[in-house]
Amino acid sequence: MKENIEYQYRVRLVKYLGKAIQETKKKKKMMQSDLADITGTSVKFISDVERGKETIQMDKTFVLLRALGLKLYVTPDSIENQR
Protein backbone atom coordinates (compact mmCIF):
# COMPACT_ATOMS: atom_id res chain seq x y z
CA MET A 1 0.00 0.00 0.00
CA LYS A 2 1.52 3.32 -1.09
CA GLU A 3 1.01 6.29 1.22
CA ASN A 4 0.47 9.75 -0.18
CA ILE A 5 2.51 11.92 2.13
CA GLU A 6 2.77 15.64 1.47
CA TYR A 7 6.11 17.09 2.48
CA GLN A 8 6.07 20.76 3.39
CA TYR A 9 9.86 20.97 3.52
CA ARG A 10 12.44 19.06 1.51
CA VAL A 11 15.57 18.89 3.60
CA ARG A 12 18.68 18.06 1.63
CA LEU A 13 21.02 20.44 3.45
CA VAL A 14 21.36 21.46 7.08
CA LYS A 15 20.28 25.00 6.21
CA TYR A 16 16.90 23.73 4.95
CA LEU A 17 16.23 22.02 8.27
CA GLY A 18 17.07 25.28 10.01
CA LYS A 19 14.70 27.16 7.72
CA ALA A 20 11.87 24.72 8.50
CA ILE A 21 12.45 25.20 12.23
CA GLN A 22 12.62 28.98 11.87
CA GLU A 23 9.46 29.25 9.75
CA THR A 24 7.47 26.95 12.03
CA LYS A 25 8.61 28.89 15.10
CA LYS A 26 7.44 32.13 13.48
CA LYS A 27 4.07 30.61 12.50
CA LYS A 28 3.58 29.67 16.14
CA LYS A 29 4.49 33.27 17.10
CA MET A 30 7.42 32.09 19.18
CA MET A 31 10.72 33.80 19.82
CA GLN A 32 14.03 31.94 20.00
CA SER A 33 13.99 32.57 23.75
CA ASP A 34 10.56 30.91 24.05
CA LEU A 35 11.78 27.82 22.23
CA ALA A 36 14.98 27.79 24.30
CA ASP A 37 12.93 27.85 27.53
CA ILE A 38 10.64 25.03 26.35
CA THR A 39 13.46 22.79 25.15
CA GLY A 40 16.19 23.54 27.68
CA THR A 41 18.56 24.68 24.94
CA SER A 42 20.19 28.06 24.45
CA VAL A 43 19.18 30.91 22.16
CA LYS A 44 22.65 30.60 20.57
CA PHE A 45 22.01 26.94 19.74
CA ILE A 46 18.64 27.75 18.17
CA SER A 47 20.22 30.59 16.20
CA ASP A 48 22.95 28.21 14.97
CA VAL A 49 20.35 25.66 13.87
CA GLU A 50 18.24 28.27 12.09
CA ARG A 51 21.31 29.57 10.25
CA GLY A 52 22.16 26.05 9.12
CA LYS A 53 25.37 25.65 11.08
CA GLU A 54 26.72 22.26 10.05
CA THR A 55 28.06 21.33 13.48
CA ILE A 56 24.66 21.29 15.19
CA GLN A 57 23.92 18.58 17.73
CA MET A 58 21.29 16.27 16.29
CA ASP A 59 19.90 15.15 19.65
CA LYS A 60 19.10 18.74 20.59
CA THR A 61 17.77 19.40 17.09
CA PHE A 62 15.28 16.56 17.50
CA VAL A 63 14.15 18.17 20.77
CA LEU A 64 13.45 21.38 18.81
CA LEU A 65 11.52 19.48 16.14
CA ARG A 66 9.35 17.73 18.74
CA ALA A 67 8.67 21.00 20.59
CA LEU A 68 7.47 22.59 17.34
CA GLY A 69 5.36 19.57 16.36
CA LEU A 70 7.57 18.71 13.38
CA LYS A 71 8.53 15.21 12.25
CA LEU A 72 11.54 14.24 10.20
CA TYR A 73 11.17 11.52 7.58
CA VAL A 74 14.02 9.84 5.78
CA THR A 75 13.08 8.50 2.36
CA PRO A 76 14.95 7.03 -0.57
CA ASP A 77 16.03 9.65 -3.08
CA SER A 78 13.92 7.96 -5.75
CA ILE A 79 10.68 8.92 -3.98
CA GLU A 80 10.66 12.22 -5.91
CA ASN A 81 10.59 10.32 -9.15
CA GLN A 82 7.48 8.39 -8.07
CA ARG A 83 5.22 11.46 -8.28
PDB file of N, CA and C in Angstrom:
ATOM      1  N   MET A   1       0.834  -1.171   0.000  1.00  0.00           N
ATOM      2  CA  MET A   1       0.000   0.000   0.000  1.00  0.00           C
ATOM      3  C   MET A   1       0.890   1.250   0.000  1.00  0.00           C
ATOM      4  N   LYS A   2       0.716   2.104  -0.964  1.00  0.00           N
ATOM      5  CA  LYS A   2       1.519   3.317  -1.092  1.00  0.00           C
ATOM      6  C   LYS A   2       0.819   4.472  -0.371  1.00  0.00           C
ATOM      7  N   GLU A   3       1.562   5.140   0.501  1.00  0.00           N
ATOM      8  CA  GLU A   3       1.013   6.286   1.216  1.00  0.00           C
ATOM      9  C   GLU A   3       1.258   7.556   0.417  1.00  0.00           C
ATOM     10  N   ASN A   4       0.285   8.433   0.418  1.00  0.00           N
ATOM     11  CA  ASN A   4       0.468   9.751  -0.182  1.00  0.00           C
ATOM     12  C   ASN A   4       0.787  10.722   0.935  1.00  0.00           C
ATOM     13  N   ILE A   5       2.062  11.016   1.087  1.00  0.00           N
ATOM     14  CA  ILE A   5       2.511  11.924   2.133  1.00  0.00           C
ATOM     15  C   ILE A   5       2.920  13.234   1.477  1.00  0.00           C
ATOM     16  N   GLU A   6       2.379  14.327   1.968  1.00  0.00           N
ATOM     17  CA  GLU A   6       2.772  15.644   1.472  1.00  0.00           C
ATOM     18  C   GLU A   6       3.894  16.161   2.355  1.00  0.00           C
ATOM     19  N   TYR A   7       4.970  16.572   1.745  1.00  0.00           N
ATOM     20  CA  TYR A   7       6.110  17.094   2.477  1.00  0.00           C
ATOM     21  C   TYR A   7       6.147  18.602   2.330  1.00  0.00           C
ATOM     22  N   GLN A   8       6.036  19.307   3.442  1.00  0.00           N
ATOM     23  CA  GLN A   8       6.075  20.759   3.393  1.00  0.00           C
ATOM     24  C   GLN A   8       7.501  21.257   3.135  1.00  0.00           C
ATOM     25  N   TYR A   9       8.465  20.569   3.686  1.00  0.00           N
ATOM     26  CA  TYR A   9       9.863  20.969   3.524  1.00  0.00           C
ATOM     27  C   TYR A   9      10.665  19.792   2.982  1.00  0.00           C
ATOM     28  N   ARG A  10      11.499  20.061   2.002  1.00  0.00           N
ATOM     29  CA  ARG A  10      12.437  19.055   1.507  1.00  0.00           C
ATOM     30  C   ARG A  10      13.798  19.436   2.068  1.00  0.00           C
ATOM     31  N   VAL A  11      14.319  18.582   2.907  1.00  0.00           N
ATOM     32  CA  VAL A  11      15.565  18.894   3.603  1.00  0.00           C
ATOM     33  C   VAL A  11      16.692  18.060   2.993  1.00  0.00           C
ATOM     34  N   ARG A  12      17.519  18.728   2.221  1.00  0.00           N
ATOM     35  CA  ARG A  12      18.685  18.063   1.630  1.00  0.00           C
ATOM     36  C   ARG A  12      19.979  18.636   2.182  1.00  0.00           C
ATOM     37  N   LEU A  13      19.873  19.782   2.835  1.00  0.00           N
ATOM     38  CA  LEU A  13      21.023  20.436   3.448  1.00  0.00           C
ATOM     39  C   LEU A  13      20.629  20.886   4.848  1.00  0.00           C
ATOM     40  N   VAL A  14      21.609  21.041   5.711  1.00  0.00           N
ATOM     41  CA  VAL A  14      21.357  21.464   7.085  1.00  0.00           C
ATOM     42  C   VAL A  14      20.602  22.792   7.114  1.00  0.00           C
ATOM     43  N   LYS A  15      20.925  23.689   6.197  1.00  0.00           N
ATOM     44  CA  LYS A  15      20.277  25.004   6.213  1.00  0.00           C
ATOM     45  C   LYS A  15      18.776  24.896   5.953  1.00  0.00           C
ATOM     46  N   TYR A  16      18.330  23.886   5.206  1.00  0.00           N
ATOM     47  CA  TYR A  16      16.901  23.729   4.955  1.00  0.00           C
ATOM     48  C   TYR A  16      16.165  23.254   6.206  1.00  0.00           C
ATOM     49  N   LEU A  17      16.823  22.441   7.000  1.00  0.00           N
ATOM     50  CA  LEU A  17      16.234  22.017   8.270  1.00  0.00           C
ATOM     51  C   LEU A  17      16.105  23.230   9.185  1.00  0.00           C
ATOM     52  N   GLY A  18      17.112  24.063   9.213  1.00  0.00           N
ATOM     53  CA  GLY A  18      17.067  25.284  10.006  1.00  0.00           C
ATOM     54  C   GLY A  18      15.953  26.209   9.558  1.00  0.00           C
ATOM     55  N   LYS A  19      15.763  26.319   8.269  1.00  0.00           N
ATOM     56  CA  LYS A  19      14.700  27.163   7.723  1.00  0.00           C
ATOM     57  C   LYS A  19      13.324  26.633   8.118  1.00  0.00           C
ATOM     58  N   ALA A  20      13.148  25.324   8.089  1.00  0.00           N
ATOM     59  CA  ALA A  20      11.871  24.721   8.496  1.00  0.00           C
ATOM     60  C   ALA A  20      11.582  25.022   9.965  1.00  0.00           C
ATOM     61  N   ILE A  21      12.603  24.913  10.797  1.00  0.00           N
ATOM     62  CA  ILE A  21      12.446  25.204  12.226  1.00  0.00           C
ATOM     63  C   ILE A  21      12.117  26.680  12.418  1.00  0.00           C
ATOM     64  N   GLN A  22      12.839  27.542  11.731  1.00  0.00           N
ATOM     65  CA  GLN A  22      12.623  28.982  11.867  1.00  0.00           C
ATOM     66  C   GLN A  22      11.209  29.385  11.412  1.00  0.00           C
ATOM     67  N   GLU A  23      10.777  28.894  10.258  1.00  0.00           N
ATOM     68  CA  GLU A  23       9.460  29.250   9.745  1.00  0.00           C
ATOM     69  C   GLU A  23       8.343  28.724  10.646  1.00  0.00           C
ATOM     70  N   THR A  24       8.490  27.517  11.149  1.00  0.00           N
ATOM     71  CA  THR A  24       7.475  26.952  12.030  1.00  0.00           C
ATOM     72  C   THR A  24       7.412  27.726  13.344  1.00  0.00           C
ATOM     73  N   LYS A  25       8.558  28.094  13.860  1.00  0.00           N
ATOM     74  CA  LYS A  25       8.614  28.894  15.096  1.00  0.00           C
ATOM     75  C   LYS A  25       7.875  30.216  14.895  1.00  0.00           C
ATOM     76  N   LYS A  26       8.105  30.853  13.765  1.00  0.00           N
ATOM     77  CA  LYS A  26       7.441  32.129  13.476  1.00  0.00           C
ATOM     78  C   LYS A  26       5.932  31.952  13.323  1.00  0.00           C
ATOM     79  N   LYS A  27       5.509  30.876  12.660  1.00  0.00           N
ATOM     80  CA  LYS A  27       4.073  30.607  12.497  1.00  0.00           C
ATOM     81  C   LYS A  27       3.395  30.426  13.850  1.00  0.00           C
ATOM     82  N   LYS A  28       4.124  29.875  14.795  1.00  0.00           N
ATOM     83  CA  LYS A  28       3.580  29.667  16.137  1.00  0.00           C
ATOM     84  C   LYS A  28       3.762  30.907  17.019  1.00  0.00           C
ATOM     85  N   LYS A  29       4.265  31.994  16.400  1.00  0.00           N
ATOM     86  CA  LYS A  29       4.488  33.267  17.097  1.00  0.00           C
ATOM     87  C   LYS A  29       5.381  33.092  18.322  1.00  0.00           C
ATOM     88  N   MET A  30       6.450  32.332  18.119  1.00  0.00           N
ATOM     89  CA  MET A  30       7.421  32.088  19.178  1.00  0.00           C
ATOM     90  C   MET A  30       8.712  32.836  18.877  1.00  0.00           C
ATOM     91  N   MET A  31       9.392  33.207  19.928  1.00  0.00           N
ATOM     92  CA  MET A  31      10.724  33.796  19.815  1.00  0.00           C
ATOM     93  C   MET A  31      11.743  32.681  20.076  1.00  0.00           C
ATOM     94  N   GLN A  32      12.985  32.920  19.697  1.00  0.00           N
ATOM     95  CA  GLN A  32      14.029  31.943  19.996  1.00  0.00           C
ATOM     96  C   GLN A  32      14.107  31.694  21.496  1.00  0.00           C
ATOM     97  N   SER A  33      13.922  32.734  22.287  1.00  0.00           N
ATOM     98  CA  SER A  33      13.990  32.571  23.749  1.00  0.00           C
ATOM     99  C   SER A  33      12.855  31.693  24.270  1.00  0.00           C
ATOM    100  N   ASP A  34      11.677  31.776  23.658  1.00  0.00           N
ATOM    101  CA  ASP A  34      10.555  30.907  24.049  1.00  0.00           C
ATOM    102  C   ASP A  34      10.905  29.447  23.791  1.00  0.00           C
ATOM    103  N   LEU A  35      11.426  29.183  22.595  1.00  0.00           N
ATOM    104  CA  LEU A  35      11.782  27.816  22.232  1.00  0.00           C
ATOM    105  C   LEU A  35      12.921  27.302  23.103  1.00  0.00           C
ATOM    106  N   ALA A  36      13.863  28.171  23.425  1.00  0.00           N
ATOM    107  CA  ALA A  36      14.978  27.786  24.304  1.00  0.00           C
ATOM    108  C   ALA A  36      14.448  27.387  25.686  1.00  0.00           C
ATOM    109  N   ASP A  37      13.510  28.162  26.211  1.00  0.00           N
ATOM    110  CA  ASP A  37      12.931  27.847  27.527  1.00  0.00           C
ATOM    111  C   ASP A  37      12.198  26.507  27.510  1.00  0.00           C
ATOM    112  N   ILE A  38      11.429  26.268  26.461  1.00  0.00           N
ATOM    113  CA  ILE A  38      10.644  25.030  26.353  1.00  0.00           C
ATOM    114  C   ILE A  38      11.533  23.805  26.222  1.00  0.00           C
ATOM    115  N   THR A  39      12.625  23.949  25.483  1.00  0.00           N
ATOM    116  CA  THR A  39      13.462  22.790  25.146  1.00  0.00           C
ATOM    117  C   THR A  39      14.701  22.634  26.020  1.00  0.00           C
ATOM    118  N   GLY A  40      14.992  23.628  26.842  1.00  0.00           N
ATOM    119  CA  GLY A  40      16.186  23.539  27.676  1.00  0.00           C
ATOM    120  C   GLY A  40      17.471  23.723  26.888  1.00  0.00           C
ATOM    121  N   THR A  41      17.369  24.377  25.747  1.00  0.00           N
ATOM    122  CA  THR A  41      18.556  24.677  24.943  1.00  0.00           C
ATOM    123  C   THR A  41      18.825  26.179  25.054  1.00  0.00           C
ATOM    124  N   SER A  42      19.854  26.638  24.389  1.00  0.00           N
ATOM    125  CA  SER A  42      20.189  28.058  24.451  1.00  0.00           C
ATOM    126  C   SER A  42      19.706  28.778  23.192  1.00  0.00           C
ATOM    127  N   VAL A  43      19.542  30.080  23.317  1.00  0.00           N
ATOM    128  CA  VAL A  43      19.184  30.906  22.158  1.00  0.00           C
ATOM    129  C   VAL A  43      20.281  30.797  21.103  1.00  0.00           C
ATOM    130  N   LYS A  44      21.538  30.743  21.522  1.00  0.00           N
ATOM    131  CA  LYS A  44      22.646  30.603  20.571  1.00  0.00           C
ATOM    132  C   LYS A  44      22.519  29.305  19.765  1.00  0.00           C
ATOM    133  N   PHE A  45      22.170  28.205  20.453  1.00  0.00           N
ATOM    134  CA  PHE A  45      22.006  26.936  19.743  1.00  0.00           C
ATOM    135  C   PHE A  45      20.890  27.049  18.705  1.00  0.00           C
ATOM    136  N   ILE A  46      19.763  27.616  19.097  1.00  0.00           N
ATOM    137  CA  ILE A  46      18.641  27.754  18.168  1.00  0.00           C
ATOM    138  C   ILE A  46      19.034  28.648  16.993  1.00  0.00           C
ATOM    139  N   SER A  47      19.740  29.716  17.267  1.00  0.00           N
ATOM    140  CA  SER A  47      20.224  30.588  16.202  1.00  0.00           C
ATOM    141  C   SER A  47      21.144  29.829  15.251  1.00  0.00           C
ATOM    142  N   ASP A  48      22.044  29.028  15.799  1.00  0.00           N
ATOM    143  CA  ASP A  48      22.952  28.212  14.966  1.00  0.00           C
ATOM    144  C   ASP A  48      22.169  27.252  14.080  1.00  0.00           C
ATOM    145  N   VAL A  49      21.161  26.605  14.642  1.00  0.00           N
ATOM    146  CA  VAL A  49      20.347  25.658  13.870  1.00  0.00           C
ATOM    147  C   VAL A  49      19.618  26.401  12.751  1.00  0.00           C
ATOM    148  N   GLU A  50      18.997  27.513  13.085  1.00  0.00           N
ATOM    149  CA  GLU A  50      18.237  28.269  12.088  1.00  0.00           C
ATOM    150  C   GLU A  50      19.125  28.798  10.967  1.00  0.00           C
ATOM    151  N   ARG A  51      20.374  29.101  11.273  1.00  0.00           N
ATOM    152  CA  ARG A  51      21.313  29.573  10.248  1.00  0.00           C
ATOM    153  C   ARG A  51      21.923  28.424   9.444  1.00  0.00           C
ATOM    154  N   GLY A  52      21.647  27.193   9.857  1.00  0.00           N
ATOM    155  CA  GLY A  52      22.164  26.048   9.121  1.00  0.00           C
ATOM    156  C   GLY A  52      23.584  25.674   9.462  1.00  0.00           C
ATOM    157  N   LYS A  53      24.016  26.003  10.671  1.00  0.00           N
ATOM    158  CA  LYS A  53      25.369  25.649  11.083  1.00  0.00           C
ATOM    159  C   LYS A  53      25.531  24.137  11.003  1.00  0.00           C
ATOM    160  N   GLU A  54      26.560  23.690  10.339  1.00  0.00           N
ATOM    161  CA  GLU A  54      26.716  22.264  10.054  1.00  0.00           C
ATOM    162  C   GLU A  54      27.233  21.454  11.223  1.00  0.00           C
ATOM    163  N   THR A  55      27.566  22.087  12.323  1.00  0.00           N
ATOM    164  CA  THR A  55      28.057  21.334  13.478  1.00  0.00           C
ATOM    165  C   THR A  55      26.998  21.224  14.573  1.00  0.00           C
ATOM    166  N   ILE A  56      25.726  21.365  14.194  1.00  0.00           N
ATOM    167  CA  ILE A  56      24.661  21.293  15.188  1.00  0.00           C
ATOM    168  C   ILE A  56      24.602  19.906  15.818  1.00  0.00           C
ATOM    169  N   GLN A  57      24.066  19.850  17.014  1.00  0.00           N
ATOM    170  CA  GLN A  57      23.920  18.585  17.727  1.00  0.00           C
ATOM    171  C   GLN A  57      22.545  17.999  17.395  1.00  0.00           C
ATOM    172  N   MET A  58      22.547  16.851  16.766  1.00  0.00           N
ATOM    173  CA  MET A  58      21.292  16.269  16.292  1.00  0.00           C
ATOM    174  C   MET A  58      20.326  15.942  17.423  1.00  0.00           C
ATOM    175  N   ASP A  59      20.814  15.487  18.565  1.00  0.00           N
ATOM    176  CA  ASP A  59      19.901  15.148  19.654  1.00  0.00           C
ATOM    177  C   ASP A  59      19.118  16.379  20.097  1.00  0.00           C
ATOM    178  N   LYS A  60      19.782  17.502  20.211  1.00  0.00           N
ATOM    179  CA  LYS A  60      19.095  18.742  20.588  1.00  0.00           C
ATOM    180  C   LYS A  60      18.185  19.222  19.460  1.00  0.00           C
ATOM    181  N   THR A  61      18.584  19.000  18.226  1.00  0.00           N
ATOM    182  CA  THR A  61      17.766  19.399  17.087  1.00  0.00           C
ATOM    183  C   THR A  61      16.453  18.634  17.087  1.00  0.00           C
ATOM    184  N   PHE A  62      16.506  17.352  17.415  1.00  0.00           N
ATOM    185  CA  PHE A  62      15.275  16.564  17.498  1.00  0.00           C
ATOM    186  C   PHE A  62      14.367  17.068  18.620  1.00  0.00           C
ATOM    187  N   VAL A  63      14.945  17.567  19.694  1.00  0.00           N
ATOM    188  CA  VAL A  63      14.151  18.173  20.767  1.00  0.00           C
ATOM    189  C   VAL A  63      13.408  19.397  20.221  1.00  0.00           C
ATOM    190  N   LEU A  64      14.093  20.221  19.418  1.00  0.00           N
ATOM    191  CA  LEU A  64      13.447  21.385  18.810  1.00  0.00           C
ATOM    192  C   LEU A  64      12.310  20.962  17.895  1.00  0.00           C
ATOM    193  N   LEU A  65      12.557  19.956  17.067  1.00  0.00           N
ATOM    194  CA  LEU A  65      11.524  19.479  16.140  1.00  0.00           C
ATOM    195  C   LEU A  65      10.284  19.013  16.895  1.00  0.00           C
ATOM    196  N   ARG A  66      10.487  18.218  17.951  1.00  0.00           N
ATOM    197  CA  ARG A  66       9.346  17.734  18.739  1.00  0.00           C
ATOM    198  C   ARG A  66       8.591  18.882  19.389  1.00  0.00           C
ATOM    199  N   ALA A  67       9.306  19.859  19.913  1.00  0.00           N
ATOM    200  CA  ALA A  67       8.669  20.997  20.586  1.00  0.00           C
ATOM    201  C   ALA A  67       7.823  21.820  19.614  1.00  0.00           C
ATOM    202  N   LEU A  68       8.206  21.840  18.349  1.00  0.00           N
ATOM    203  CA  LEU A  68       7.469  22.587  17.339  1.00  0.00           C
ATOM    204  C   LEU A  68       6.415  21.735  16.634  1.00  0.00           C
ATOM    205  N   GLY A  69       6.333  20.461  16.991  1.00  0.00           N
ATOM    206  CA  GLY A  69       5.356  19.573  16.355  1.00  0.00           C
ATOM    207  C   GLY A  69       5.766  19.143  14.962  1.00  0.00           C
ATOM    208  N   LEU A  70       7.064  19.139  14.684  1.00  0.00           N
ATOM    209  CA  LEU A  70       7.571  18.710  13.378  1.00  0.00           C
ATOM    210  C   LEU A  70       8.085  17.282  13.461  1.00  0.00           C
ATOM    211  N   LYS A  71       7.979  16.567  12.353  1.00  0.00           N
ATOM    212  CA  LYS A  71       8.527  15.215  12.250  1.00  0.00           C
ATOM    213  C   LYS A  71       9.521  15.200  11.104  1.00  0.00           C
ATOM    214  N   LEU A  72      10.524  14.376  11.232  1.00  0.00           N
ATOM    215  CA  LEU A  72      11.543  14.244  10.205  1.00  0.00           C
ATOM    216  C   LEU A  72      11.435  12.855   9.601  1.00  0.00           C
ATOM    217  N   TYR A  73      11.248  12.789   8.291  1.00  0.00           N
ATOM    218  CA  TYR A  73      11.165  11.518   7.584  1.00  0.00           C
ATOM    219  C   TYR A  73      12.392  11.352   6.707  1.00  0.00           C
ATOM    220  N   VAL A  74      12.909  10.163   6.660  1.00  0.00           N
ATOM    221  CA  VAL A  74      14.024   9.844   5.780  1.00  0.00           C
ATOM    222  C   VAL A  74      13.474   8.898   4.719  1.00  0.00           C
ATOM    223  N   THR A  75      13.624   9.302   3.453  1.00  0.00           N
ATOM    224  CA  THR A  75      13.083   8.504   2.360  1.00  0.00           C
ATOM    225  C   THR A  75      14.164   8.271   1.310  1.00  0.00           C
ATOM    226  N   PRO A  76      13.997   7.240   0.518  1.00  0.00           N
ATOM    227  CA  PRO A  76      14.950   7.032  -0.575  1.00  0.00           C
ATOM    228  C   PRO A  76      14.867   8.202  -1.552  1.00  0.00           C
ATOM    229  N   ASP A  77      15.976   8.534  -2.148  1.00  0.00           N
ATOM    230  CA  ASP A  77      16.030   9.647  -3.083  1.00  0.00           C
ATOM    231  C   ASP A  77      15.065   9.459  -4.228  1.00  0.00           C
ATOM    232  N   SER A  78      14.773   8.231  -4.601  1.00  0.00           N
ATOM    233  CA  SER A  78      13.919   7.963  -5.755  1.00  0.00           C
ATOM    234  C   SER A  78      12.452   8.296  -5.508  1.00  0.00           C
ATOM    235  N   ILE A  79      12.082   8.627  -4.261  1.00  0.00           N
ATOM    236  CA  ILE A  79      10.684   8.919  -3.985  1.00  0.00           C
ATOM    237  C   ILE A  79      10.180  10.119  -4.809  1.00  0.00           C
ATOM    238  N   GLU A  80      11.056  11.068  -5.097  1.00  0.00           N
ATOM    239  CA  GLU A  80      10.657  12.221  -5.912  1.00  0.00           C
ATOM    240  C   GLU A  80      10.266  11.811  -7.311  1.00  0.00           C
ATOM    241  N   ASN A  81      10.868  10.769  -7.797  1.00  0.00           N
ATOM    242  CA  ASN A  81      10.590  10.316  -9.149  1.00  0.00           C
ATOM    243  C   ASN A  81       9.288   9.517  -9.230  1.00  0.00           C
ATOM    244  N   GLN A  82       8.698   9.180  -8.092  1.00  0.00           N
ATOM    245  CA  GLN A  82       7.476   8.393  -8.073  1.00  0.00           C
ATOM    246  C   GLN A  82       6.223   9.253  -8.209  1.00  0.00           C
ATOM    247  N   ARG A  83       6.381  10.553  -8.173  1.00  0.00           N
ATOM    248  CA  ARG A  83       5.220  11.455  -8.277  1.00  0.00           C
ATOM    249  C   ARG A  83       4.865  11.734  -9.703  1.00  0.00           C
TER     250      ARG A  83
END
